[in-house]
Amino acid sequence: MFDVGLSTAKAIRNLKAGAAPENAGCHGINKNGNGYFMRVAPLVFYIADKPEAERFAATKTVSSITHAHGGSVAACFIYS
């Protein structure tokens, strides 16, 4: 792999420092990005038949690994 992206690199550093995965991602308004969309497809198959609250919780957990801002989480949920 030649590049993982700035948000992913920061999340990996946060994970190495002991952050929980759901707290490893960037939370700032200027840190919204498209990283989640690159890995959403497998999650959609997992959450397809789940209740809405469970789909949102799973989406938030996965998105927050690299993109934890509420705007990113909401966009990821709508996309999913």
PDB file of N, CA and C in Angstrom:
ATOM      1  N   MET A   1       0.847  -1.163   0.000  1.00  0.00           N
ATOM      2  CA  MET A   1       0.000   0.000   0.000  1.00  0.00           C
ATOM      3  C   MET A   1       0.896   1.230   0.000  1.00  0.00           C
ATOM      4  N   PHE A   2       0.596   2.206  -0.836  1.00  0.00           N
ATOM      5  CA  PHE A   2       1.435   3.389  -0.924  1.00  0.00           C
ATOM      6  C   PHE A   2       0.910   4.549  -0.100  1.00  0.00           C
ATOM      7  N   ASP A   3      -0.368   4.538   0.258  1.00  0.00           N
ATOM      8  CA  ASP A   3      -0.913   5.651   1.024  1.00  0.00           C
ATOM      9  C   ASP A   3      -2.218   5.221   1.679  1.00  0.00           C
ATOM     10  N   VAL A   4      -2.371   5.601   2.945  1.00  0.00           N
ATOM     11  CA  VAL A   4      -3.608   5.277   3.647  1.00  0.00           C
ATOM     12  C   VAL A   4      -4.448   6.517   3.901  1.00  0.00           C
ATOM     13  N   GLY A   5      -3.964   7.687   3.558  1.00  0.00           N
ATOM     14  CA  GLY A   5      -4.696   8.922   3.787  1.00  0.00           C
ATOM     15  C   GLY A   5      -4.376   9.505   5.158  1.00  0.00           C
ATOM     16  N   LEU A   6      -4.512  10.806   5.270  1.00  0.00           N
ATOM     17  CA  LEU A   6      -4.157  11.504   6.502  1.00  0.00           C
ATOM     18  C   LEU A   6      -5.045  11.105   7.675  1.00  0.00           C
ATOM     19  N   SER A   7      -6.356  10.993   7.448  1.00  0.00           N
ATOM     20  CA  SER A   7      -7.272  10.630   8.535  1.00  0.00           C
ATOM     21  C   SER A   7      -7.011   9.219   9.033  1.00  0.00           C
ATOM     22  N   THR A   8      -6.759   8.309   8.112  1.00  0.00           N
ATOM     23  CA  THR A   8      -6.481   6.936   8.501  1.00  0.00           C
ATOM     24  C   THR A   8      -5.158   6.842   9.251  1.00  0.00           C
ATOM     25  N   ALA A   9      -4.152   7.567   8.785  1.00  0.00           N
ATOM     26  CA  ALA A   9      -2.862   7.566   9.475  1.00  0.00           C
ATOM     27  C   ALA A   9      -3.009   8.101  10.897  1.00  0.00           C
ATOM     28  N   LYS A  10      -3.790   9.177  11.055  1.00  0.00           N
ATOM     29  CA  LYS A  10      -4.013   9.722  12.396  1.00  0.00           C
ATOM     30  C   LYS A  10      -4.773   8.727  13.268  1.00  0.00           C
ATOM     31  N   ALA A  11      -5.791   8.073  12.711  1.00  0.00           N
ATOM     32  CA  ALA A  11      -6.552   7.087  13.465  1.00  0.00           C
ATOM     33  C   ALA A  11      -5.656   5.934  13.918  1.00  0.00           C
ATOM     34  N   ILE A  12      -4.759   5.502  13.058  1.00  0.00           N
ATOM     35  CA  ILE A  12      -3.833   4.423  13.424  1.00  0.00           C
ATOM     36  C   ILE A  12      -2.927   4.872  14.567  1.00  0.00           C
ATOM     37  N   ARG A  13      -2.435   6.104  14.494  1.00  0.00           N
ATOM     38  CA  ARG A  13      -1.617   6.627  15.601  1.00  0.00           C
ATOM     39  C   ARG A  13      -2.425   6.670  16.900  1.00  0.00           C
ATOM     40  N   ASN A  14      -3.687   7.106  16.805  1.00  0.00           N
ATOM     41  CA  ASN A  14      -4.543   7.155  17.988  1.00  0.00           C
ATOM     42  C   ASN A  14      -4.785   5.756  18.551  1.00  0.00           C
ATOM     43  N   LEU A  15      -4.999   4.787  17.681  1.00  0.00           N
ATOM     44  CA  LEU A  15      -5.188   3.406  18.122  1.00  0.00           C
ATOM     45  C   LEU A  15      -3.936   2.879  18.818  1.00  0.00           C
ATOM     46  N   LYS A  16      -2.774   3.166  18.229  1.00  0.00           N
ATOM     47  CA  LYS A  16      -1.511   2.735  18.839  1.00  0.00           C
ATOM     48  C   LYS A  16      -1.313   3.364  20.206  1.00  0.00           C
ATOM     49  N   ALA A  17      -1.855   4.574  20.388  1.00  0.00           N
ATOM     50  CA  ALA A  17      -1.721   5.281  21.668  1.00  0.00           C
ATOM     51  C   ALA A  17      -2.749   4.802  22.688  1.00  0.00           C
ATOM     52  N   GLY A  18      -3.626   3.876  22.273  1.00  0.00           N
ATOM     53  CA  GLY A  18      -4.568   3.287  23.217  1.00  0.00           C
ATOM     54  C   GLY A  18      -6.014   3.728  23.063  1.00  0.00           C
ATOM     55  N   ALA A  19      -6.336   4.536  22.056  1.00  0.00           N
ATOM     56  CA  ALA A  19      -7.717   4.973  21.855  1.00  0.00           C
ATOM     57  C   ALA A  19      -8.593   3.798  21.446  1.00  0.00           C
ATOM     58  N   ALA A  20      -9.823   3.805  21.912  1.00  0.00           N
ATOM     59  CA  ALA A  20     -10.800   2.812  21.458  1.00  0.00           C
ATOM     60  C   ALA A  20     -11.118   3.109  19.991  1.00  0.00           C
ATOM     61  N   PRO A  21     -11.396   2.090  19.175  1.00  0.00           N
ATOM     62  CA  PRO A  21     -11.645   2.322  17.755  1.00  0.00           C
ATOM     63  C   PRO A  21     -12.705   3.391  17.481  1.00  0.00           C
ATOM     64  N   GLU A  22     -13.784   3.391  18.257  1.00  0.00           N
ATOM     65  CA  GLU A  22     -14.851   4.371  18.010  1.00  0.00           C
ATOM     66  C   GLU A  22     -14.453   5.796  18.400  1.00  0.00           C
ATOM     67  N   ASN A  23     -13.309   5.950  19.057  1.00  0.00           N
ATOM     68  CA  ASN A  23     -12.817   7.272  19.432  1.00  0.00           C
ATOM     69  C   ASN A  23     -11.532   7.658  18.702  1.00  0.00           C
ATOM     70  N   ALA A  24     -11.099   6.833  17.764  1.00  0.00           N
ATOM     71  CA  ALA A  24      -9.822   7.061  17.093  1.00  0.00           C
ATOM     72  C   ALA A  24      -9.897   8.087  15.979  1.00  0.00           C
ATOM     73  N   GLY A  25     -11.078   8.285  15.412  1.00  0.00           N
ATOM     74  CA  GLY A  25     -11.212   9.161  14.266  1.00  0.00           C
ATOM     75  C   GLY A  25     -11.248  10.632  14.609  1.00  0.00           C
ATOM     76  N   CYS A  26     -11.133  11.450  13.589  1.00  0.00           N
ATOM     77  CA  CYS A  26     -11.152  12.904  13.738  1.00  0.00           C
ATOM     78  C   CYS A  26     -12.571  13.374  14.035  1.00  0.00           C
ATOM     79  N   HIS A  27     -12.687  14.325  14.944  1.00  0.00           N
ATOM     80  CA  HIS A  27     -13.989  14.837  15.354  1.00  0.00           C
ATOM     81  C   HIS A  27     -14.275  16.251  14.845  1.00  0.00           C
ATOM     82  N   GLY A  28     -13.301  16.938  14.320  1.00  0.00           N
ATOM     83  CA  GLY A  28     -13.459  18.335  13.927  1.00  0.00           C
ATOM     84  C   GLY A  28     -14.302  18.538  12.686  1.00  0.00           C
ATOM     85  N   ILE A  29     -14.964  19.688  12.625  1.00  0.00           N
ATOM     86  CA  ILE A  29     -15.815  20.023  11.479  1.00  0.00           C
ATOM     87  C   ILE A  29     -15.011  20.059  10.180  1.00  0.00           C
ATOM     88  N   ASN A  30     -13.771  20.433  10.257  1.00  0.00           N
ATOM     89  CA  ASN A  30     -12.932  20.493   9.058  1.00  0.00           C
ATOM     90  C   ASN A  30     -12.271  19.161   8.734  1.00  0.00           C
ATOM     91  N   LYS A  31     -12.621  18.140   9.455  1.00  0.00           N
ATOM     92  CA  LYS A  31     -12.036  16.818   9.241  1.00  0.00           C
ATOM     93  C   LYS A  31     -13.027  15.838   8.617  1.00  0.00           C
ATOM     94  N   ASN A  32     -14.171  16.331   8.160  1.00  0.00           N
ATOM     95  CA  ASN A  32     -15.110  15.463   7.460  1.00  0.00           C
ATOM     96  C   ASN A  32     -14.455  15.024   6.160  1.00  0.00           C
ATOM     97  N   GLY A  33     -14.669  13.799   5.790  1.00  0.00           N
ATOM     98  CA  GLY A  33     -14.019  13.299   4.586  1.00  0.00           C
ATOM     99  C   GLY A  33     -14.785  12.161   3.962  1.00  0.00           C
ATOM    100  N   ASN A  34     -14.171  11.520   3.011  1.00  0.00           N
ATOM    101  CA  ASN A  34     -14.829  10.448   2.270  1.00  0.00           C
ATOM    102  C   ASN A  34     -14.284   9.064   2.622  1.00  0.00           C
ATOM    103  N   GLY A  35     -13.433   8.978   3.612  1.00  0.00           N
ATOM    104  CA  GLY A  35     -12.804   7.706   3.939  1.00  0.00           C
ATOM    105  C   GLY A  35     -13.784   6.588   4.241  1.00  0.00           C
ATOM    106  N   TYR A  36     -14.863   6.914   4.895  1.00  0.00           N
ATOM    107  CA  TYR A  36     -15.850   5.886   5.226  1.00  0.00           C
ATOM    108  C   TYR A  36     -16.431   5.262   3.972  1.00  0.00           C
ATOM    109  N   PHE A  37     -16.688   6.073   2.967  1.00  0.00           N
ATOM    110  CA  PHE A  37     -17.323   5.554   1.756  1.00  0.00           C
ATOM    111  C   PHE A  37     -16.474   4.494   1.067  1.00  0.00           C
ATOM    112  N   MET A  38     -15.184   4.508   1.342  1.00  0.00           N
ATOM    113  CA  MET A  38     -14.305   3.523   0.718  1.00  0.00           C
ATOM    114  C   MET A  38     -14.460   2.141   1.344  1.00  0.00           C
ATOM    115  N   ARG A  39     -15.098   2.071   2.502  1.00  0.00           N
ATOM    116  CA  ARG A  39     -15.235   0.765   3.152  1.00  0.00           C
ATOM    117  C   ARG A  39     -16.661   0.440   3.568  1.00  0.00           C
ATOM    118  N   VAL A  40     -17.658   1.138   3.034  1.00  0.00           N
ATOM    119  CA  VAL A  40     -19.039   0.984   3.463  1.00  0.00           C
ATOM    120  C   VAL A  40     -19.714  -0.274   2.914  1.00  0.00           C
ATOM    121  N   ALA A  41     -19.370  -0.716   1.744  1.00  0.00           N
ATOM    122  CA  ALA A  41     -20.099  -1.804   1.099  1.00  0.00           C
ATOM    123  C   ALA A  41     -20.265  -3.039   1.986  1.00  0.00           C
ATOM    124  N   PRO A  42     -19.221  -3.550   2.606  1.00  0.00           N
ATOM    125  CA  PRO A  42     -19.421  -4.741   3.450  1.00  0.00           C
ATOM    126  C   PRO A  42     -20.373  -4.495   4.616  1.00  0.00           C
ATOM    127  N   LEU A  43     -20.343  -3.295   5.200  1.00  0.00           N
ATOM    128  CA  LEU A  43     -21.229  -3.008   6.328  1.00  0.00           C
ATOM    129  C   LEU A  43     -22.691  -3.025   5.897  1.00  0.00           C
ATOM    130  N   VAL A  44     -22.977  -2.528   4.716  1.00  0.00           N
ATOM    131  CA  VAL A  44     -24.356  -2.487   4.235  1.00  0.00           C
ATOM    132  C   VAL A  44     -24.971  -3.884   4.232  1.00  0.00           C
ATOM    133  N   PHE A  45     -24.211  -4.883   3.830  1.00  0.00           N
ATOM    134  CA  PHE A  45     -24.732  -6.250   3.825  1.00  0.00           C
ATOM    135  C   PHE A  45     -24.988  -6.745   5.245  1.00  0.00           C
ATOM    136  N   TYR A  46     -24.183  -6.330   6.187  1.00  0.00           N
ATOM    137  CA  TYR A  46     -24.326  -6.747   7.576  1.00  0.00           C
ATOM    138  C   TYR A  46     -25.533  -6.099   8.247  1.00  0.00           C
ATOM    139  N   ILE A  47     -25.811  -4.829   7.937  1.00  0.00           N
ATOM    140  CA  ILE A  47     -26.858  -4.093   8.648  1.00  0.00           C
ATOM    141  C   ILE A  47     -28.191  -4.047   7.909  1.00  0.00           C
ATOM    142  N   ALA A  48     -28.276  -4.586   6.730  1.00  0.00           N
ATOM    143  CA  ALA A  48     -29.450  -4.418   5.870  1.00  0.00           C
ATOM    144  C   ALA A  48     -30.768  -4.767   6.547  1.00  0.00           C
ATOM    145  N   ASP A  49     -30.812  -5.827   7.317  1.00  0.00           N
ATOM    146  CA  ASP A  49     -32.082  -6.256   7.911  1.00  0.00           C
ATOM    147  C   ASP A  49     -32.188  -5.920   9.402  1.00  0.00           C
ATOM    148  N   LYS A  50     -31.332  -5.041   9.873  1.00  0.00           N
ATOM    149  CA  LYS A  50     -31.344  -4.643  11.285  1.00  0.00           C
ATOM    150  C   LYS A  50     -32.316  -3.480  11.488  1.00  0.00           C
ATOM    151  N   PRO A  51     -32.814  -3.297  12.709  1.00  0.00           N
ATOM    152  CA  PRO A  51     -33.640  -2.120  13.001  1.00  0.00           C
ATOM    153  C   PRO A  51     -32.827  -0.834  12.804  1.00  0.00           C
ATOM    154  N   GLU A  52     -33.525   0.262  12.563  1.00  0.00           N
ATOM    155  CA  GLU A  52     -32.848   1.530  12.245  1.00  0.00           C
ATOM    156  C   GLU A  52     -31.847   1.946  13.316  1.00  0.00           C
ATOM    157  N   ALA A  53     -32.201   1.836  14.570  1.00  0.00           N
ATOM    158  CA  ALA A  53     -31.290   2.252  15.649  1.00  0.00           C
ATOM    159  C   ALA A  53     -30.009   1.424  15.635  1.00  0.00           C
ATOM    160  N   GLU A  54     -30.144   0.149  15.356  1.00  0.00           N
ATOM    161  CA  GLU A  54     -28.968  -0.722  15.290  1.00  0.00           C
ATOM    162  C   GLU A  54     -28.119  -0.412  14.060  1.00  0.00           C
ATOM    163  N   ARG A  55     -28.773  -0.099  12.937  1.00  0.00           N
ATOM    164  CA  ARG A  55     -28.034   0.292  11.725  1.00  0.00           C
ATOM    165  C   ARG A  55     -27.248   1.568  11.985  1.00  0.00           C
ATOM    166  N   PHE A  56     -27.886   2.532  12.663  1.00  0.00           N
ATOM    167  CA  PHE A  56     -27.190   3.780  12.956  1.00  0.00           C
ATOM    168  C   PHE A  56     -26.010   3.537  13.884  1.00  0.00           C
ATOM    169  N   ALA A  57     -26.203   2.750  14.924  1.00  0.00           N
ATOM    170  CA  ALA A  57     -25.119   2.482  15.869  1.00  0.00           C
ATOM    171  C   ALA A  57     -23.934   1.816  15.178  1.00  0.00           C
ATOM    172  N   ALA A  58     -24.200   0.850  14.318  1.00  0.00           N
ATOM    173  CA  ALA A  58     -23.122   0.163  13.599  1.00  0.00           C
ATOM    174  C   ALA A  58     -22.421   1.130  12.648  1.00  0.00           C
ATOM    175  N   THR A  59     -23.199   1.945  11.952  1.00  0.00           N
ATOM    176  CA  THR A  59     -22.619   2.926  11.033  1.00  0.00           C
ATOM    177  C   THR A  59     -21.747   3.911  11.794  1.00  0.00           C
ATOM    178  N   LYS A  60     -22.233   4.387  12.929  1.00  0.00           N
ATOM    179  CA  LYS A  60     -21.464   5.347  13.738  1.00  0.00           C
ATOM    180  C   LYS A  60     -20.156   4.732  14.203  1.00  0.00           C
ATOM    181  N   THR A  61     -20.208   3.494  14.659  1.00  0.00           N
ATOM    182  CA  THR A  61     -18.997   2.824  15.135  1.00  0.00           C
ATOM    183  C   THR A  61     -17.967   2.706  14.023  1.00  0.00           C
ATOM    184  N   VAL A  62     -18.392   2.260  12.858  1.00  0.00           N
ATOM    185  CA  VAL A  62     -17.456   2.064  11.751  1.00  0.00           C
ATOM    186  C   VAL A  62     -16.953   3.406  11.220  1.00  0.00           C
ATOM    187  N   SER A  63     -17.836   4.365  11.047  1.00  0.00           N
ATOM    188  CA  SER A  63     -17.419   5.679  10.557  1.00  0.00           C
ATOM    189  C   SER A  63     -16.430   6.337  11.506  1.00  0.00           C
ATOM    190  N   SER A  64     -16.683   6.210  12.797  1.00  0.00           N
ATOM    191  CA  SER A  64     -15.875   6.900  13.802  1.00  0.00           C
ATOM    192  C   SER A  64     -14.448   6.392  13.908  1.00  0.00           C
ATOM    193  N   ILE A  65     -14.173   5.264  13.304  1.00  0.00           N
ATOM    194  CA  ILE A  65     -12.794   4.772  13.313  1.00  0.00           C
ATOM    195  C   ILE A  65     -11.874   5.811  12.676  1.00  0.00           C
ATOM    196  N   THR A  66     -12.351   6.478  11.617  1.00  0.00           N
ATOM    197  CA  THR A  66     -11.537   7.514  10.978  1.00  0.00           C
ATOM    198  C   THR A  66     -12.253   8.853  10.870  1.00  0.00           C
ATOM    199  N   HIS A  67     -13.569   8.874  10.811  1.00  0.00           N
ATOM    200  CA  HIS A  67     -14.342  10.100  10.605  1.00  0.00           C
ATOM    201  C   HIS A  67     -15.485  10.140  11.620  1.00  0.00           C
ATOM    202  N   ALA A  68     -15.222  10.751  12.777  1.00  0.00           N
ATOM    203  CA  ALA A  68     -16.153  10.695  13.896  1.00  0.00           C
ATOM    204  C   ALA A  68     -17.053  11.922  14.030  1.00  0.00           C
ATOM    205  N   HIS A  69     -16.853  12.930  13.222  1.00  0.00           N
ATOM    206  CA  HIS A  69     -17.701  14.117  13.326  1.00  0.00           C
ATOM    207  C   HIS A  69     -19.146  13.742  12.997  1.00  0.00           C
ATOM    208  N   GLY A  70     -20.095  14.382  13.667  1.00  0.00           N
ATOM    209  CA  GLY A  70     -21.501  14.083  13.457  1.00  0.00           C
ATOM    210  C   GLY A  70     -21.939  14.201  12.018  1.00  0.00           C
ATOM    211  N   GLY A  71     -21.373  15.162  11.276  1.00  0.00           N
ATOM    212  CA  GLY A  71     -21.708  15.300   9.864  1.00  0.00           C
ATOM    213  C   GLY A  71     -21.284  14.094   9.053  1.00  0.00           C
ATOM    214  N   SER A  72     -20.094  13.589   9.350  1.00  0.00           N
ATOM    215  CA  SER A  72     -19.611  12.391   8.653  1.00  0.00           C
ATOM    216  C   SER A  72     -20.480  11.187   8.995  1.00  0.00           C
ATOM    217  N   VAL A  73     -20.805  11.033  10.267  1.00  0.00           N
ATOM    218  CA  VAL A  73     -21.616   9.898  10.698  1.00  0.00           C
ATOM    219  C   VAL A  73     -23.001   9.951  10.031  1.00  0.00           C
ATOM    220  N   ALA A  74     -23.624  11.132  10.028  1.00  0.00           N
ATOM    221  CA  ALA A  74     -24.934  11.273   9.403  1.00  0.00           C
ATOM    222  C   ALA A  74     -24.887  10.964   7.911  1.00  0.00           C
ATOM    223  N   ALA A  75     -23.873  11.502   7.228  1.00  0.00           N
ATOM    224  CA  ALA A  75     -23.754  11.239   5.791  1.00  0.00           C
ATOM    225  C   ALA A  75     -23.553   9.753   5.521  1.00  0.00           C
ATOM    226  N   CYS A  76     -22.750   9.119   6.351  1.00  0.00           N
ATOM    227  CA  CYS A  76     -22.501   7.682   6.182  1.00  0.00           C
ATOM    228  C   CYS A  76     -23.770   6.880   6.406  1.00  0.00           C
ATOM    229  N   PHE A  77     -24.563   7.280   7.402  1.00  0.00           N
ATOM    230  CA  PHE A  77     -25.816   6.568   7.669  1.00  0.00           C
ATOM    231  C   PHE A  77     -26.783   6.710   6.507  1.00  0.00           C
ATOM    232  N   ILE A  78     -26.921   7.914   5.993  1.00  0.00           N
ATOM    233  CA  ILE A  78     -27.816   8.141   4.848  1.00  0.00           C
ATOM    234  C   ILE A  78     -27.334   7.346   3.642  1.00  0.00           C
ATOM    235  N   TYR A  79     -26.041   7.377   3.389  1.00  0.00           N
ATOM    236  CA  TYR A  79     -25.468   6.641   2.267  1.00  0.00           C
ATOM    237  C   TYR A  79     -25.694   5.136   2.419  1.00  0.00           C
ATOM    238  N   SER A  80     -25.538   4.649   3.636  1.00  0.00           N
ATOM    239  CA  SER A  80     -25.686   3.207   3.886  1.00  0.00           C
ATOM    240  C   SER A  80     -27.101   2.760   3.688  1.00  0.00           C
TER     241      SER A  80
END
